[in-house]
Amino acid sequence: MIIYKIFCRPEWDDMRAKGQTLGAPVDLADGYIHFSAAPQLAETAAKWFAGQSDLVLLAIDAAHLGDDLKWEPARGGVLFPHLYRALTIADVVWDKSLPLGASGHIFPEGVF
C-alpha cells in the first residue's frame, strides 16, 4: 500500500541533502511523521496546505516502514498512518510536485 507525505519544497530539499528527516514542524511537535492514505490526501492538502504552492508529494510503500508505522485515530476517529522513526530517502518510492490550481492542489495521475 502506498501512503503519502506532503512537504514544502525547502523541507524536501533538506531531506534530500541529509538523506532523512524527522518531518515538518508539526511532525516534530507531535513526535511522529504524519502521512495520509490516498482517500485522505485531498482533505489533508485542503486542511493543512490550503493556498500553498511549491509543495512536493512523496509516495511511500507502507510495508517498507515495518512496525515503526502505526495506524492511529485522528480526524473524526479515522485511522491515519504515523511513522515513529526518521523517514529516509530509501523509503521514498517517488516524489512529484504538487502544484496549486484555481480550485486547489493538482494531484499526479494515479494517486486516487
C-alpha atoms as a PDB file:
ATOM      1  CA  MET A   1       0.000   0.000   0.000  1.00  0.00           C
ATOM      2  CA  ILE A   2       1.256   3.442  -0.892  1.00  0.00           C
ATOM      3  CA  ILE A   3       0.881   6.258   1.644  1.00  0.00           C
ATOM      4  CA  TYR A   4       1.682   9.921   1.069  1.00  0.00           C
ATOM      5  CA  LYS A   5       3.532  12.804   2.696  1.00  0.00           C
ATOM      6  CA  ILE A   6       3.248  16.445   1.645  1.00  0.00           C
ATOM      7  CA  PHE A   7       6.293  18.632   2.219  1.00  0.00           C
ATOM      8  CA  CYS A   8       7.051  22.241   1.449  1.00  0.00           C
ATOM      9  CA  ARG A   9       9.877  22.259  -1.075  1.00  0.00           C
ATOM     10  CA  PRO A  10      12.531  23.502   1.426  1.00  0.00           C
ATOM     11  CA  GLU A  11      11.663  20.589   3.743  1.00  0.00           C
ATOM     12  CA  TRP A  12      12.066  18.139   0.852  1.00  0.00           C
ATOM     13  CA  ASP A  13      15.325  19.781  -0.229  1.00  0.00           C
ATOM     14  CA  ASP A  14      16.633  19.460   3.349  1.00  0.00           C
ATOM     15  CA  MET A  15      15.634  15.787   3.480  1.00  0.00           C
ATOM     16  CA  ARG A  16      17.387  15.061   0.195  1.00  0.00           C
ATOM     17  CA  ALA A  17      20.536  16.822   1.400  1.00  0.00           C
ATOM     18  CA  LYS A  18      20.595  14.953   4.730  1.00  0.00           C
ATOM     19  CA  GLY A  19      19.218  11.624   3.496  1.00  0.00           C
ATOM     20  CA  GLN A  20      16.477  11.588   6.125  1.00  0.00           C
ATOM     21  CA  THR A  21      14.094  13.708   8.154  1.00  0.00           C
ATOM     22  CA  LEU A  22      12.105  13.647  11.350  1.00  0.00           C
ATOM     23  CA  GLY A  23       9.451  15.603   9.481  1.00  0.00           C
ATOM     24  CA  ALA A  24       7.913  19.027   9.246  1.00  0.00           C
ATOM     25  CA  PRO A  25       7.419  21.259  12.302  1.00  0.00           C
ATOM     26  CA  VAL A  26       4.026  19.647  13.069  1.00  0.00           C
ATOM     27  CA  ASP A  27       5.658  16.200  12.974  1.00  0.00           C
ATOM     28  CA  LEU A  28       8.420  17.296  15.327  1.00  0.00           C
ATOM     29  CA  ALA A  29       5.849  18.763  17.731  1.00  0.00           C
ATOM     30  CA  ASP A  30       3.733  15.590  17.714  1.00  0.00           C
ATOM     31  CA  GLY A  31       6.639  13.127  17.924  1.00  0.00           C
ATOM     32  CA  TYR A  32       5.861  11.218  14.743  1.00  0.00           C
ATOM     33  CA  ILE A  33       5.636  11.816  10.994  1.00  0.00           C
ATOM     34  CA  HIS A  34       2.101  12.296   9.667  1.00  0.00           C
ATOM     35  CA  PHE A  35       1.076  10.548   6.449  1.00  0.00           C
ATOM     36  CA  SER A  36      -2.179  10.146   4.534  1.00  0.00           C
ATOM     37  CA  ALA A  37      -3.648   7.218   2.675  1.00  0.00           C
ATOM     38  CA  ALA A  38      -4.921   8.033  -0.823  1.00  0.00           C
ATOM     39  CA  PRO A  39      -8.555   8.588   0.279  1.00  0.00           C
ATOM     40  CA  GLN A  40      -7.344  11.069   2.951  1.00  0.00           C
ATOM     41  CA  LEU A  41      -4.914  13.011   0.789  1.00  0.00           C
ATOM     42  CA  ALA A  42      -7.134  15.682  -0.780  1.00  0.00           C
ATOM     43  CA  GLU A  43      -8.624  16.603   2.605  1.00  0.00           C
ATOM     44  CA  THR A  44      -5.149  16.762   4.177  1.00  0.00           C
ATOM     45  CA  ALA A  45      -3.938  19.090   1.427  1.00  0.00           C
ATOM     46  CA  ALA A  46      -7.012  21.312   1.731  1.00  0.00           C
ATOM     47  CA  LYS A  47      -6.874  21.459   5.544  1.00  0.00           C
ATOM     48  CA  TRP A  48      -3.144  21.872   6.176  1.00  0.00           C
ATOM     49  CA  PHE A  49      -1.779  23.290   2.901  1.00  0.00           C
ATOM     50  CA  ALA A  50      -4.613  25.489   1.613  1.00  0.00           C
ATOM     51  CA  GLY A  51      -3.321  28.157  -0.746  1.00  0.00           C
ATOM     52  CA  GLN A  52       0.266  26.921  -0.555  1.00  0.00           C
ATOM     53  CA  SER A  53       2.254  26.349  -3.701  1.00  0.00           C
ATOM     54  CA  ASP A  54       5.703  24.827  -4.212  1.00  0.00           C
ATOM     55  CA  LEU A  55       4.784  21.614  -2.429  1.00  0.00           C
ATOM     56  CA  VAL A  56       6.162  18.126  -3.001  1.00  0.00           C
ATOM     57  CA  LEU A  57       4.168  14.908  -2.721  1.00  0.00           C
ATOM     58  CA  LEU A  58       6.093  11.831  -1.605  1.00  0.00           C
ATOM     59  CA  ALA A  59       4.852   8.288  -2.146  1.00  0.00           C
ATOM     60  CA  ILE A  60       5.981   5.735   0.429  1.00  0.00           C
ATOM     61  CA  ASP A  61       5.473   1.963   0.462  1.00  0.00           C
ATOM     62  CA  ALA A  62       3.857   1.386   3.862  1.00  0.00           C
ATOM     63  CA  ALA A  63       5.141  -2.203   4.004  1.00  0.00           C
ATOM     64  CA  HIS A  64       8.717  -0.897   3.796  1.00  0.00           C
ATOM     65  CA  LEU A  65       8.253   1.001   7.077  1.00  0.00           C
ATOM     66  CA  GLY A  66       7.566  -2.115   9.129  1.00  0.00           C
ATOM     67  CA  ASP A  67       6.473  -1.908  12.753  1.00  0.00           C
ATOM     68  CA  ASP A  68       7.525   1.751  13.009  1.00  0.00           C
ATOM     69  CA  LEU A  69       4.342   2.670  11.114  1.00  0.00           C
ATOM     70  CA  LYS A  70       1.210   2.810  13.278  1.00  0.00           C
ATOM     71  CA  TRP A  71      -2.341   3.428  12.117  1.00  0.00           C
ATOM     72  CA  GLU A  72      -3.909   5.660  14.735  1.00  0.00           C
ATOM     73  CA  PRO A  73      -7.181   7.603  15.076  1.00  0.00           C
ATOM     74  CA  ALA A  74      -7.054  11.243  14.009  1.00  0.00           C
ATOM     75  CA  ARG A  75      -9.661  13.449  12.267  1.00  0.00           C
ATOM     76  CA  GLY A  76     -13.075  12.122  13.177  1.00  0.00           C
ATOM     77  CA  GLY A  77     -11.621   8.890  14.547  1.00  0.00           C
ATOM     78  CA  VAL A  78     -10.362   7.831  11.106  1.00  0.00           C
ATOM     79  CA  LEU A  79      -7.101   5.856  11.187  1.00  0.00           C
ATOM     80  CA  PHE A  80      -4.095   7.701   9.764  1.00  0.00           C
ATOM     81  CA  PRO A  81      -0.569   6.364   9.247  1.00  0.00           C
ATOM     82  CA  HIS A  82       2.067   7.739  11.642  1.00  0.00           C
ATOM     83  CA  LEU A  83       5.772   6.919  11.449  1.00  0.00           C
ATOM     84  CA  TYR A  84       7.773   6.668  14.676  1.00  0.00           C
ATOM     85  CA  ARG A  85      11.259   6.940  13.198  1.00  0.00           C
ATOM     86  CA  ALA A  86      13.120   9.075  10.690  1.00  0.00           C
ATOM     87  CA  LEU A  87      11.886   8.951   7.111  1.00  0.00           C
ATOM     88  CA  THR A  88      14.790   8.132   4.794  1.00  0.00           C
ATOM     89  CA  ILE A  89      15.359   8.699   1.112  1.00  0.00           C
ATOM     90  CA  ALA A  90      15.351   4.896   0.720  1.00  0.00           C
ATOM     91  CA  ASP A  91      11.724   4.901   1.958  1.00  0.00           C
ATOM     92  CA  VAL A  92      10.570   7.172  -0.888  1.00  0.00           C
ATOM     93  CA  VAL A  93       9.080   5.394  -3.908  1.00  0.00           C
ATOM     94  CA  TRP A  94       8.664   8.645  -5.861  1.00  0.00           C
ATOM     95  CA  ASP A  95       8.368  12.389  -5.432  1.00  0.00           C
ATOM     96  CA  LYS A  96       6.354  14.779  -7.582  1.00  0.00           C
ATOM     97  CA  SER A  97       5.498  18.451  -7.489  1.00  0.00           C
ATOM     98  CA  LEU A  98       2.085  19.253  -6.045  1.00  0.00           C
ATOM     99  CA  PRO A  99       1.075  22.452  -7.841  1.00  0.00           C
ATOM    100  CA  LEU A 100      -1.732  24.727  -6.779  1.00  0.00           C
ATOM    101  CA  GLY A 101      -4.520  25.222  -9.298  1.00  0.00           C
ATOM    102  CA  ALA A 102      -7.523  27.532  -9.330  1.00  0.00           C
ATOM    103  CA  SER A 103      -9.633  25.081  -7.304  1.00  0.00           C
ATOM    104  CA  GLY A 104      -6.945  23.504  -5.107  1.00  0.00           C
ATOM    105  CA  HIS A 105      -3.945  21.258  -5.466  1.00  0.00           C
ATOM    106  CA  ILE A 106      -3.423  19.273  -8.642  1.00  0.00           C
ATOM    107  CA  PHE A 107      -2.508  15.686  -7.775  1.00  0.00           C
ATOM    108  CA  PRO A 108      -0.474  13.433 -10.051  1.00  0.00           C
ATOM    109  CA  GLU A 109      -2.388  10.941 -12.135  1.00  0.00           C
ATOM    110  CA  GLY A 110      -2.889   7.570 -10.489  1.00  0.00           C
ATOM    111  CA  VAL A 111      -2.870   8.811  -6.881  1.00  0.00           C
ATOM    112  CA  PHE A 112      -6.633   8.362  -6.411  1.00  0.00           C
END
